[in-house]
Amino acid sequence: MKVLIVDDHPLVRKGITSTLSFEKDIEEVLEASNNEEAIRQINTEEPELAIIDLYLGSEYGLEIVSACKKKGFKTKFIILTSSLKREDYLKSKEVGVDGYILKEAFVEDIIYALNLVRRGKQFIDPEIIKYEIASQSDNNYREKLTPRELDVFVELGKGLSNCEIAQKLYISENTVKKHVSNILSKLGLEHRTQAAILANSLSNY
């Protein structure tokens, strides 16, 4: 796998490159410091993954993602940033990034995100999901879900499986699956792990 690191700070790039060099599946790590360099590297080197900082001096990293998607490049994009700005996260979702990770994340989490995205999945830093909860009211979520969906949502936050939820709420496992699907759709989530983190965080507010 070939990976491109896009950050305007040389020390940050070297740090990430050093971390990734220990991964046996990563054959080559490329570097770029601005939008023009990044787009040129993606065009000529065709990396499978690009890890991009949101703020590259006076430039905005998401412009790289937008430009490359318009050109039809197959590279997958992960945002690695220290920004907790809600608008940055929403813009990232809008342009279709494959991952969003905070720079404060553990190295293991970054490697996990890379491998997940490489397999076609999406990874959103759990802290971002918690931040989303903190920035919106409890009632906002309660208004979106039916009473039964709320019951299932709460049990998801406890880490229960569909089978365990079905037994606890005296409903069929198939019904639980339908409720989980509705919950993900209504709350704009990709998978049940996000719902579980969301529900668990919600109980603390």
N, C-alpha and C. Protein backbone atom coordinates (compact mmCIF):
# COMPACT_ATOMS: atom_id res chain seq x y z
N MET A 1 0.85 -1.20 0.00
CA MET A 1 0.00 0.00 0.00
C MET A 1 0.88 1.24 0.00
N LYS A 2 0.48 2.22 -0.80
CA LYS A 2 1.20 3.49 -0.88
C LYS A 2 0.34 4.57 -0.21
N VAL A 3 0.96 5.35 0.69
CA VAL A 3 0.22 6.36 1.46
C VAL A 3 0.85 7.74 1.27
N LEU A 4 0.01 8.74 1.14
CA LEU A 4 0.47 10.12 1.02
C LEU A 4 0.13 10.89 2.29
N ILE A 5 1.11 11.58 2.88
CA ILE A 5 0.91 12.42 4.05
C ILE A 5 0.92 13.87 3.61
N VAL A 6 -0.15 14.62 3.91
CA VAL A 6 -0.23 16.02 3.51
C VAL A 6 -0.36 16.88 4.76
N ASP A 7 0.73 17.60 5.07
CA ASP A 7 0.76 18.48 6.25
C ASP A 7 1.81 19.55 6.00
N ASP A 8 1.52 20.78 6.41
CA ASP A 8 2.47 21.86 6.14
C ASP A 8 3.62 21.92 7.15
N HIS A 9 3.59 21.07 8.17
CA HIS A 9 4.66 21.03 9.15
C HIS A 9 5.57 19.82 8.89
N PRO A 10 6.82 20.04 8.51
CA PRO A 10 7.75 18.93 8.21
C PRO A 10 7.89 17.93 9.35
N LEU A 11 7.93 18.41 10.58
CA LEU A 11 8.10 17.51 11.72
C LEU A 11 6.90 16.58 11.88
N VAL A 12 5.71 17.11 11.63
CA VAL A 12 4.49 16.29 11.71
C VAL A 12 4.53 15.21 10.64
N ARG A 13 4.90 15.61 9.41
CA ARG A 13 4.99 14.64 8.32
C ARG A 13 5.98 13.53 8.65
N LYS A 14 7.15 13.93 9.16
CA LYS A 14 8.18 12.94 9.49
C LYS A 14 7.72 12.01 10.61
N GLY A 15 6.98 12.58 11.57
CA GLY A 15 6.48 11.77 12.68
C GLY A 15 5.50 10.71 12.20
N ILE A 16 4.58 11.11 11.33
CA ILE A 16 3.60 10.16 10.80
C ILE A 16 4.29 9.14 9.90
N THR A 17 5.21 9.61 9.08
CA THR A 17 5.96 8.71 8.20
C THR A 17 6.71 7.66 9.00
N SER A 18 7.34 8.10 10.09
CA SER A 18 8.09 7.18 10.96
C SER A 18 7.16 6.13 11.57
N THR A 19 5.98 6.57 11.98
CA THR A 19 5.00 5.65 12.57
C THR A 19 4.55 4.60 11.56
N LEU A 20 4.27 5.05 10.34
CA LEU A 20 3.76 4.15 9.32
C LEU A 20 4.83 3.21 8.77
N SER A 21 6.10 3.59 8.93
CA SER A 21 7.19 2.78 8.38
C SER A 21 7.28 1.40 9.04
N PHE A 22 6.67 1.27 10.22
CA PHE A 22 6.70 -0.02 10.92
C PHE A 22 5.60 -0.97 10.46
N GLU A 23 4.68 -0.45 9.64
CA GLU A 23 3.58 -1.27 9.15
C GLU A 23 4.01 -2.04 7.90
N LYS A 24 3.95 -3.36 7.95
CA LYS A 24 4.45 -4.19 6.86
C LYS A 24 3.64 -4.04 5.57
N ASP A 25 2.36 -3.65 5.69
CA ASP A 25 1.52 -3.52 4.50
C ASP A 25 1.76 -2.21 3.75
N ILE A 26 2.48 -1.28 4.37
CA ILE A 26 2.74 0.01 3.74
C ILE A 26 4.10 -0.03 3.06
N GLU A 27 4.08 0.01 1.74
CA GLU A 27 5.31 -0.11 0.96
C GLU A 27 6.05 1.21 0.82
N GLU A 28 5.29 2.29 0.70
CA GLU A 28 5.91 3.60 0.47
C GLU A 28 5.06 4.70 1.08
N VAL A 29 5.72 5.69 1.70
CA VAL A 29 5.03 6.85 2.27
C VAL A 29 5.51 8.09 1.55
N LEU A 30 4.60 8.78 0.88
CA LEU A 30 4.90 10.01 0.16
C LEU A 30 4.53 11.21 1.02
N GLU A 31 5.08 12.38 0.69
CA GLU A 31 4.80 13.58 1.47
C GLU A 31 4.46 14.76 0.56
N ALA A 32 3.59 15.63 1.07
CA ALA A 32 3.26 16.88 0.39
C ALA A 32 2.95 17.94 1.45
N SER A 33 3.23 19.19 1.13
CA SER A 33 3.04 20.25 2.13
C SER A 33 1.91 21.21 1.78
N ASN A 34 1.37 21.10 0.56
CA ASN A 34 0.28 22.01 0.17
C ASN A 34 -0.64 21.32 -0.83
N ASN A 35 -1.70 22.02 -1.21
CA ASN A 35 -2.72 21.45 -2.09
C ASN A 35 -2.16 21.05 -3.46
N GLU A 36 -1.38 21.94 -4.06
CA GLU A 36 -0.84 21.68 -5.39
C GLU A 36 0.05 20.43 -5.41
N GLU A 37 0.94 20.35 -4.43
CA GLU A 37 1.83 19.19 -4.33
C GLU A 37 1.02 17.90 -4.14
N ALA A 38 0.03 17.98 -3.27
CA ALA A 38 -0.78 16.80 -2.96
C ALA A 38 -1.52 16.29 -4.19
N ILE A 39 -2.17 17.18 -4.91
CA ILE A 39 -2.94 16.79 -6.09
C ILE A 39 -2.01 16.22 -7.16
N ARG A 40 -0.82 16.82 -7.31
CA ARG A 40 0.15 16.31 -8.28
C ARG A 40 0.62 14.90 -7.91
N GLN A 41 0.90 14.70 -6.61
CA GLN A 41 1.33 13.37 -6.14
C GLN A 41 0.25 12.32 -6.34
N ILE A 42 -0.99 12.70 -6.05
CA ILE A 42 -2.10 11.76 -6.20
C ILE A 42 -2.29 11.40 -7.67
N ASN A 43 -2.10 12.38 -8.54
CA ASN A 43 -2.25 12.17 -9.98
C ASN A 43 -1.16 11.26 -10.53
N THR A 44 0.09 11.46 -10.10
CA THR A 44 1.21 10.71 -10.67
C THR A 44 1.51 9.40 -9.94
N GLU A 45 1.37 9.40 -8.60
CA GLU A 45 1.76 8.24 -7.81
C GLU A 45 0.59 7.30 -7.47
N GLU A 46 -0.63 7.82 -7.55
CA GLU A 46 -1.86 7.05 -7.28
C GLU A 46 -1.81 6.29 -5.95
N PRO A 47 -1.61 7.00 -4.85
CA PRO A 47 -1.60 6.32 -3.55
C PRO A 47 -2.98 5.79 -3.20
N GLU A 48 -3.02 4.68 -2.47
CA GLU A 48 -4.31 4.12 -2.05
C GLU A 48 -4.98 5.00 -1.01
N LEU A 49 -4.15 5.62 -0.16
CA LEU A 49 -4.67 6.46 0.92
C LEU A 49 -3.93 7.80 0.98
N ALA A 50 -4.66 8.84 1.32
CA ALA A 50 -4.06 10.15 1.57
C ALA A 50 -4.52 10.64 2.94
N ILE A 51 -3.56 10.95 3.79
CA ILE A 51 -3.86 11.47 5.13
C ILE A 51 -3.61 12.97 5.09
N ILE A 52 -4.67 13.75 5.27
CA ILE A 52 -4.59 15.19 5.02
C ILE A 52 -4.96 16.01 6.25
N ASP A 53 -4.12 17.00 6.55
CA ASP A 53 -4.46 17.97 7.59
C ASP A 53 -5.45 18.97 7.00
N LEU A 54 -6.39 19.44 7.81
CA LEU A 54 -7.39 20.38 7.31
C LEU A 54 -6.81 21.74 6.95
N TYR A 55 -5.91 22.23 7.80
CA TYR A 55 -5.37 23.57 7.60
C TYR A 55 -3.90 23.50 7.20
N LEU A 56 -3.65 23.83 5.93
CA LEU A 56 -2.29 23.80 5.37
C LEU A 56 -1.84 25.22 5.12
N GLY A 57 -1.41 25.88 6.20
CA GLY A 57 -1.07 27.30 6.08
C GLY A 57 -2.33 28.09 5.77
N SER A 58 -2.34 28.74 4.61
CA SER A 58 -3.52 29.53 4.21
C SER A 58 -4.48 28.70 3.37
N GLU A 59 -4.15 27.43 3.13
CA GLU A 59 -5.00 26.57 2.30
C GLU A 59 -5.86 25.65 3.15
N TYR A 60 -6.91 25.14 2.51
CA TYR A 60 -7.85 24.25 3.19
C TYR A 60 -7.74 22.86 2.58
N GLY A 61 -7.38 21.87 3.39
CA GLY A 61 -7.11 20.53 2.91
C GLY A 61 -8.25 19.86 2.17
N LEU A 62 -9.49 20.23 2.52
CA LEU A 62 -10.64 19.59 1.86
C LEU A 62 -10.72 19.91 0.37
N GLU A 63 -10.03 20.98 -0.03
CA GLU A 63 -10.01 21.32 -1.46
C GLU A 63 -9.29 20.23 -2.26
N ILE A 64 -8.34 19.56 -1.62
CA ILE A 64 -7.64 18.44 -2.26
C ILE A 64 -8.63 17.31 -2.54
N VAL A 65 -9.44 17.00 -1.52
CA VAL A 65 -10.42 15.93 -1.65
C VAL A 65 -11.42 16.24 -2.75
N SER A 66 -11.95 17.45 -2.74
CA SER A 66 -12.94 17.85 -3.76
C SER A 66 -12.36 17.76 -5.16
N ALA A 67 -11.15 18.28 -5.33
CA ALA A 67 -10.53 18.30 -6.66
C ALA A 67 -10.27 16.89 -7.17
N CYS A 68 -9.78 16.03 -6.29
CA CYS A 68 -9.45 14.66 -6.70
C CYS A 68 -10.69 13.83 -6.99
N LYS A 69 -11.74 14.05 -6.24
CA LYS A 69 -12.99 13.32 -6.50
C LYS A 69 -13.60 13.74 -7.84
N LYS A 70 -13.47 15.03 -8.17
CA LYS A 70 -13.99 15.51 -9.45
C LYS A 70 -13.23 14.87 -10.62
N LYS A 71 -11.94 14.61 -10.39
CA LYS A 71 -11.11 14.01 -11.44
C LYS A 71 -11.27 12.49 -11.49
N GLY A 72 -12.00 11.94 -10.50
CA GLY A 72 -12.25 10.51 -10.51
C GLY A 72 -11.13 9.65 -9.97
N PHE A 73 -10.21 10.24 -9.20
CA PHE A 73 -9.11 9.46 -8.62
C PHE A 73 -9.66 8.46 -7.60
N LYS A 74 -9.01 7.31 -7.49
CA LYS A 74 -9.50 6.25 -6.62
C LYS A 74 -8.94 6.32 -5.19
N THR A 75 -8.08 7.28 -4.92
CA THR A 75 -7.48 7.43 -3.59
C THR A 75 -8.56 7.65 -2.53
N LYS A 76 -8.38 7.01 -1.38
CA LYS A 76 -9.28 7.22 -0.25
C LYS A 76 -8.66 8.30 0.66
N PHE A 77 -9.53 9.08 1.30
CA PHE A 77 -9.04 10.24 2.05
C PHE A 77 -9.38 10.17 3.54
N ILE A 78 -8.35 10.41 4.35
CA ILE A 78 -8.53 10.48 5.80
C ILE A 78 -8.07 11.86 6.26
N ILE A 79 -8.93 12.53 7.00
CA ILE A 79 -8.56 13.82 7.59
C ILE A 79 -7.94 13.56 8.96
N LEU A 80 -6.74 14.11 9.18
CA LEU A 80 -6.06 14.02 10.47
C LEU A 80 -5.86 15.44 10.96
N THR A 81 -6.61 15.83 11.97
CA THR A 81 -6.64 17.24 12.36
C THR A 81 -6.77 17.42 13.87
N SER A 82 -6.46 18.62 14.33
CA SER A 82 -6.67 18.96 15.73
C SER A 82 -7.96 19.77 15.89
N SER A 83 -8.64 20.00 14.78
CA SER A 83 -9.85 20.82 14.79
C SER A 83 -11.07 20.08 15.33
N LEU A 84 -11.73 20.71 16.28
CA LEU A 84 -13.00 20.19 16.79
C LEU A 84 -14.17 21.05 16.31
N LYS A 85 -13.92 21.87 15.30
CA LYS A 85 -14.97 22.73 14.78
C LYS A 85 -16.04 21.89 14.09
N ARG A 86 -17.26 22.12 14.51
CA ARG A 86 -18.38 21.36 13.94
C ARG A 86 -18.47 21.55 12.43
N GLU A 87 -18.24 22.79 11.95
CA GLU A 87 -18.35 23.05 10.52
C GLU A 87 -17.29 22.31 9.71
N ASP A 88 -16.11 22.10 10.30
CA ASP A 88 -15.06 21.35 9.60
C ASP A 88 -15.48 19.89 9.41
N TYR A 89 -16.03 19.32 10.46
CA TYR A 89 -16.48 17.93 10.40
C TYR A 89 -17.62 17.77 9.38
N LEU A 90 -18.57 18.70 9.41
CA LEU A 90 -19.71 18.63 8.49
C LEU A 90 -19.27 18.81 7.04
N LYS A 91 -18.31 19.71 6.80
CA LYS A 91 -17.79 19.90 5.44
C LYS A 91 -17.06 18.66 4.97
N SER A 92 -16.36 18.00 5.89
CA SER A 92 -15.64 16.78 5.55
C SER A 92 -16.62 15.68 5.13
N LYS A 93 -17.73 15.58 5.86
CA LYS A 93 -18.76 14.60 5.51
C LYS A 93 -19.35 14.94 4.15
N GLU A 94 -19.53 16.22 3.91
CA GLU A 94 -20.16 16.68 2.67
C GLU A 94 -19.33 16.32 1.44
N VAL A 95 -18.01 16.46 1.55
CA VAL A 95 -17.16 16.15 0.38
C VAL A 95 -16.87 14.65 0.27
N GLY A 96 -17.25 13.89 1.31
CA GLY A 96 -17.13 12.44 1.24
C GLY A 96 -15.80 11.85 1.66
N VAL A 97 -15.20 12.39 2.73
CA VAL A 97 -13.96 11.78 3.22
C VAL A 97 -14.26 10.40 3.79
N ASP A 98 -13.25 9.55 3.81
CA ASP A 98 -13.43 8.18 4.28
C ASP A 98 -13.10 8.02 5.77
N GLY A 99 -12.40 9.00 6.32
CA GLY A 99 -12.05 8.93 7.74
C GLY A 99 -11.80 10.32 8.31
N TYR A 100 -12.04 10.46 9.60
CA TYR A 100 -11.84 11.75 10.28
C TYR A 100 -11.24 11.43 11.65
N ILE A 101 -9.97 11.77 11.84
CA ILE A 101 -9.26 11.42 13.07
C ILE A 101 -8.63 12.65 13.69
N LEU A 102 -8.69 12.74 15.00
CA LEU A 102 -8.03 13.83 15.70
C LEU A 102 -6.56 13.50 15.93
N LYS A 103 -5.71 14.52 15.88
CA LYS A 103 -4.27 14.31 16.05
C LYS A 103 -3.93 13.80 17.46
N GLU A 104 -4.86 13.96 18.38
CA GLU A 104 -4.63 13.49 19.75
C GLU A 104 -4.85 11.98 19.87
N ALA A 105 -5.29 11.34 18.81
CA ALA A 105 -5.58 9.91 18.84
C ALA A 105 -4.30 9.10 19.07
N PHE A 106 -4.47 7.91 19.64
CA PHE A 106 -3.33 7.01 19.83
C PHE A 106 -2.87 6.49 18.46
N VAL A 107 -1.60 6.15 18.38
CA VAL A 107 -1.04 5.61 17.14
C VAL A 107 -1.83 4.38 16.69
N GLU A 108 -2.19 3.53 17.66
CA GLU A 108 -2.94 2.31 17.33
C GLU A 108 -4.27 2.64 16.67
N ASP A 109 -4.91 3.73 17.12
CA ASP A 109 -6.19 4.12 16.53
C ASP A 109 -6.02 4.60 15.09
N ILE A 110 -4.92 5.31 14.84
CA ILE A 110 -4.66 5.81 13.49
C ILE A 110 -4.41 4.63 12.54
N ILE A 111 -3.61 3.66 13.00
CA ILE A 111 -3.34 2.48 12.18
C ILE A 111 -4.63 1.70 11.93
N TYR A 112 -5.45 1.57 12.98
CA TYR A 112 -6.74 0.87 12.84
C TYR A 112 -7.61 1.58 11.81
N ALA A 113 -7.65 2.91 11.86
CA ALA A 113 -8.46 3.69 10.92
C ALA A 113 -7.98 3.50 9.50
N LEU A 114 -6.66 3.48 9.31
CA LEU A 114 -6.09 3.27 7.98
C LEU A 114 -6.52 1.93 7.40
N ASN A 115 -6.41 0.90 8.20
CA ASN A 115 -6.77 -0.44 7.73
C ASN A 115 -8.26 -0.57 7.47
N LEU A 116 -9.06 0.11 8.30
CA LEU A 116 -10.51 0.07 8.12
C LEU A 116 -10.91 0.76 6.82
N VAL A 117 -10.36 1.94 6.60
CA VAL A 117 -10.67 2.71 5.39
C VAL A 117 -10.17 1.97 4.15
N ARG A 118 -9.03 1.36 4.28
CA ARG A 118 -8.47 0.60 3.15
C ARG A 118 -9.43 -0.51 2.71
N ARG A 119 -10.16 -1.09 3.68
CA ARG A 119 -11.11 -2.17 3.37
C ARG A 119 -12.47 -1.64 2.93
N GLY A 120 -12.57 -0.33 2.74
CA GLY A 120 -13.81 0.23 2.23
C GLY A 120 -14.79 0.68 3.29
N LYS A 121 -14.36 0.67 4.55
CA LYS A 121 -15.21 1.14 5.64
C LYS A 121 -14.90 2.60 5.95
N GLN A 122 -15.72 3.19 6.80
CA GLN A 122 -15.50 4.56 7.23
C GLN A 122 -15.11 4.59 8.71
N PHE A 123 -14.22 5.52 9.05
CA PHE A 123 -13.83 5.66 10.46
C PHE A 123 -13.98 7.11 10.89
N ILE A 124 -14.77 7.32 11.96
CA ILE A 124 -14.92 8.64 12.55
C ILE A 124 -14.43 8.56 13.99
N ASP A 125 -13.52 9.44 14.37
CA ASP A 125 -12.97 9.45 15.72
C ASP A 125 -14.10 9.51 16.76
N PRO A 126 -14.11 8.60 17.74
CA PRO A 126 -15.15 8.60 18.77
C PRO A 126 -15.29 9.95 19.48
N GLU A 127 -14.20 10.68 19.60
CA GLU A 127 -14.27 11.98 20.26
C GLU A 127 -15.09 12.97 19.46
N ILE A 128 -15.08 12.83 18.14
CA ILE A 128 -15.89 13.69 17.29
C ILE A 128 -17.37 13.40 17.51
N ILE A 129 -17.69 12.11 17.63
CA ILE A 129 -19.08 11.72 17.88
C ILE A 129 -19.55 12.27 19.22
N LYS A 130 -18.69 12.19 20.23
CA LYS A 130 -19.03 12.73 21.55
C LYS A 130 -19.22 14.24 21.47
N TYR A 131 -18.38 14.88 20.69
CA TYR A 131 -18.46 16.33 20.53
C TYR A 131 -19.78 16.72 19.85
N GLU A 132 -20.19 15.92 18.90
CA GLU A 132 -21.46 16.14 18.24
C GLU A 132 -22.61 16.10 19.25
N ILE A 133 -22.51 15.15 20.18
CA ILE A 133 -23.52 15.04 21.23
C ILE A 133 -23.53 16.29 22.10
N ALA A 134 -22.35 16.72 22.50
CA ALA A 134 -22.24 17.87 23.40
C ALA A 134 -22.75 19.15 22.76
N SER A 135 -22.68 19.23 21.44
CA SER A 135 -23.06 20.46 20.76
C SER A 135 -24.55 20.51 20.42
N GLN A 136 -25.26 19.42 20.69
CA GLN A 136 -26.68 19.38 20.42
C GLN A 136 -27.44 18.94 21.67
N SER A 137 -28.69 19.29 21.74
CA SER A 137 -29.46 18.98 22.94
C SER A 137 -29.92 17.53 22.96
N ASP A 138 -30.15 17.05 24.16
CA ASP A 138 -30.67 15.70 24.37
C ASP A 138 -32.00 15.55 23.65
N ASN A 139 -32.84 16.56 23.75
CA ASN A 139 -34.18 16.50 23.17
C ASN A 139 -34.14 16.38 21.65
N ASN A 140 -33.09 16.94 21.04
CA ASN A 140 -32.98 16.87 19.59
C ASN A 140 -32.95 15.42 19.13
N TYR A 141 -32.27 14.58 19.88
CA TYR A 141 -32.21 13.16 19.52
C TYR A 141 -33.50 12.44 19.91
N ARG A 142 -34.04 12.79 21.04
CA ARG A 142 -35.27 12.14 21.50
C ARG A 142 -36.43 12.42 20.55
N GLU A 143 -36.44 13.58 19.95
CA GLU A 143 -37.52 13.94 19.04
C GLU A 143 -37.45 13.15 17.73
N LYS A 144 -36.27 12.68 17.38
CA LYS A 144 -36.10 11.96 16.12
C LYS A 144 -36.51 10.49 16.21
N LEU A 145 -36.47 9.94 17.42
CA LEU A 145 -36.71 8.51 17.59
C LEU A 145 -38.06 8.23 18.23
N THR A 146 -38.66 7.12 17.84
CA THR A 146 -39.90 6.68 18.48
C THR A 146 -39.56 6.15 19.88
N PRO A 147 -40.54 6.03 20.76
CA PRO A 147 -40.27 5.50 22.11
C PRO A 147 -39.56 4.14 22.08
N ARG A 148 -39.97 3.26 21.15
CA ARG A 148 -39.35 1.93 21.10
C ARG A 148 -37.91 2.03 20.58
N GLU A 149 -37.69 2.91 19.61
CA GLU A 149 -36.34 3.11 19.10
C GLU A 149 -35.43 3.68 20.18
N LEU A 150 -35.99 4.54 21.02
CA LEU A 150 -35.22 5.09 22.15
C LEU A 150 -34.81 3.98 23.11
N ASP A 151 -35.72 3.05 23.35
CA ASP A 151 -35.42 1.91 24.24
C ASP A 151 -34.24 1.11 23.69
N VAL A 152 -34.29 0.84 22.38
CA VAL A 152 -33.22 0.08 21.74
C VAL A 152 -31.92 0.89 21.74
N PHE A 153 -32.04 2.18 21.50
CA PHE A 153 -30.90 3.10 21.49
C PHE A 153 -30.16 3.07 22.84
N VAL A 154 -30.92 3.11 23.91
CA VAL A 154 -30.33 3.08 25.26
C VAL A 154 -29.57 1.77 25.48
N GLU A 155 -30.16 0.66 25.04
CA GLU A 155 -29.51 -0.64 25.23
C GLU A 155 -28.26 -0.78 24.36
N LEU A 156 -28.26 -0.13 23.21
CA LEU A 156 -27.07 -0.11 22.37
C LEU A 156 -25.91 0.54 23.12
N GLY A 157 -26.25 1.59 23.86
CA GLY A 157 -25.23 2.31 24.64
C GLY A 157 -24.62 1.46 25.73
N LYS A 158 -25.32 0.40 26.12
CA LYS A 158 -24.80 -0.51 27.15
C LYS A 158 -23.96 -1.63 26.54
N GLY A 159 -23.85 -1.61 25.20
CA GLY A 159 -23.04 -2.61 24.52
C GLY A 159 -23.72 -3.94 24.29
N LEU A 160 -25.05 -3.98 24.40
CA LEU A 160 -25.78 -5.24 24.23
C LEU A 160 -25.90 -5.62 22.75
N SER A 161 -25.92 -6.90 22.49
CA SER A 161 -26.11 -7.41 21.13
C SER A 161 -27.60 -7.35 20.78
N ASN A 162 -27.91 -7.57 19.51
CA ASN A 162 -29.32 -7.59 19.09
C ASN A 162 -30.10 -8.66 19.84
N CYS A 163 -29.48 -9.82 20.03
CA CYS A 163 -30.14 -10.92 20.73
C CYS A 163 -30.43 -10.54 22.18
N GLU A 164 -29.47 -9.90 22.83
CA GLU A 164 -29.64 -9.50 24.23
C GLU A 164 -30.70 -8.41 24.38
N ILE A 165 -30.71 -7.49 23.41
CA ILE A 165 -31.72 -6.42 23.43
C ILE A 165 -33.11 -7.01 23.25
N ALA A 166 -33.22 -7.96 22.32
CA ALA A 166 -34.50 -8.62 22.06
C ALA A 166 -35.04 -9.29 23.32
N GLN A 167 -34.17 -9.99 24.02
CA GLN A 167 -34.59 -10.67 25.26
C GLN A 167 -35.00 -9.68 26.34
N LYS A 168 -34.25 -8.59 26.44
CA LYS A 168 -34.54 -7.61 27.49
C LYS A 168 -35.82 -6.84 27.24
N LEU A 169 -36.10 -6.54 25.97
CA LEU A 169 -37.27 -5.73 25.63
C LEU A 169 -38.48 -6.58 25.20
N TYR A 170 -38.29 -7.91 25.23
CA TYR A 170 -39.37 -8.83 24.87
C TYR A 170 -39.89 -8.60 23.46
N ILE A 171 -38.95 -8.44 22.52
CA ILE A 171 -39.31 -8.32 21.11
C ILE A 171 -38.40 -9.27 20.32
N SER A 172 -38.73 -9.49 19.04
CA SER A 172 -37.92 -10.41 18.24
C SER A 172 -36.59 -9.76 17.83
N GLU A 173 -35.61 -10.60 17.54
CA GLU A 173 -34.31 -10.08 17.11
C GLU A 173 -34.43 -9.35 15.78
N ASN A 174 -35.34 -9.81 14.93
CA ASN A 174 -35.56 -9.16 13.65
C ASN A 174 -36.11 -7.75 13.84
N THR A 175 -36.97 -7.59 14.84
CA THR A 175 -37.53 -6.27 15.15
C THR A 175 -36.42 -5.34 15.65
N VAL A 176 -35.52 -5.88 16.45
CA VAL A 176 -34.39 -5.08 16.95
C VAL A 176 -33.55 -4.60 15.77
N LYS A 177 -33.29 -5.49 14.81
CA LYS A 177 -32.49 -5.13 13.64
C LYS A 177 -33.13 -3.97 12.89
N LYS A 178 -34.47 -4.02 12.76
CA LYS A 178 -35.18 -2.94 12.06
C LYS A 178 -35.07 -1.63 12.82
N HIS A 179 -35.19 -1.71 14.16
CA HIS A 179 -35.06 -0.50 14.98
C HIS A 179 -33.65 0.08 14.88
N VAL A 180 -32.65 -0.78 14.90
CA VAL A 180 -31.26 -0.31 14.79
C VAL A 180 -31.04 0.38 13.45
N SER A 181 -31.58 -0.22 12.39
CA SER A 181 -31.45 0.37 11.05
C SER A 181 -32.10 1.75 11.01
N ASN A 182 -33.29 1.88 11.63
CA ASN A 182 -33.98 3.17 11.67
C ASN A 182 -33.21 4.20 12.48
N ILE A 183 -32.61 3.75 13.58
CA ILE A 183 -31.83 4.65 14.44
C ILE A 183 -30.63 5.21 13.67
N LEU A 184 -29.91 4.34 12.97
CA LEU A 184 -28.75 4.78 12.20
C LEU A 184 -29.16 5.78 11.13
N SER A 185 -30.26 5.49 10.46
CA SER A 185 -30.75 6.37 9.40
C SER A 185 -31.16 7.74 9.94
N LYS A 186 -31.93 7.75 11.02
CA LYS A 186 -32.45 9.00 11.58
C LYS A 186 -31.35 9.87 12.20
N LEU A 187 -30.31 9.23 12.74
CA LEU A 187 -29.25 9.98 13.41
C LEU A 187 -28.04 10.22 12.50
N GLY A 188 -28.16 9.78 11.24
CA GLY A 188 -27.09 10.01 10.28
C GLY A 188 -25.80 9.28 10.60
N LEU A 189 -25.91 8.05 11.12
CA LEU A 189 -24.74 7.26 11.50
C LEU A 189 -24.50 6.14 10.49
N GLU A 190 -23.24 5.66 10.47
CA GLU A 190 -22.86 4.64 9.50
C GLU A 190 -23.01 3.22 10.04
N HIS A 191 -22.71 3.01 11.32
CA HIS A 191 -22.77 1.66 11.87
C HIS A 191 -23.13 1.68 13.35
N ARG A 192 -23.45 0.53 13.91
CA ARG A 192 -23.97 0.44 15.27
C ARG A 192 -22.95 0.85 16.32
N THR A 193 -21.66 0.72 16.02
CA THR A 193 -20.64 1.14 16.98
C THR A 193 -20.76 2.64 17.26
N GLN A 194 -21.01 3.40 16.21
CA GLN A 194 -21.22 4.85 16.39
C GLN A 194 -22.46 5.11 17.23
N ALA A 195 -23.52 4.34 16.99
CA ALA A 195 -24.76 4.50 17.75
C ALA A 195 -24.52 4.19 19.22
N ALA A 196 -23.72 3.15 19.48
CA ALA A 196 -23.43 2.77 20.85
C ALA A 196 -22.65 3.85 21.58
N ILE A 197 -21.65 4.42 20.90
CA ILE A 197 -20.85 5.51 21.48
C ILE A 197 -21.74 6.72 21.73
N LEU A 198 -22.61 6.99 20.76
CA LEU A 198 -23.52 8.13 20.86
C LEU A 198 -24.46 7.97 22.05
N ALA A 199 -25.07 6.79 22.16
CA ALA A 199 -26.01 6.53 23.24
C ALA A 199 -25.34 6.57 24.60
N ASN A 200 -24.15 6.03 24.68
CA ASN A 200 -23.39 6.02 25.94
C ASN A 200 -23.03 7.44 26.35
N SER A 201 -22.63 8.26 25.39
CA SER A 201 -22.29 9.65 25.68
C SER A 201 -23.51 10.45 26.08
N LEU A 202 -24.63 10.17 25.40
CA LEU A 202 -25.86 10.90 25.65
C LEU A 202 -26.33 10.73 27.09
N SER A 203 -26.07 9.58 27.65
CA SER A 203 -26.50 9.31 29.03
C SER A 203 -25.75 10.16 30.04
N ASN A 204 -24.63 10.78 29.59
CA ASN A 204 -23.83 11.59 30.51
C ASN A 204 -24.17 13.07 30.45
N TYR A 205 -25.12 13.42 29.56
CA TYR A 205 -25.48 14.83 29.44
C TYR A 205 -26.85 15.10 30.03
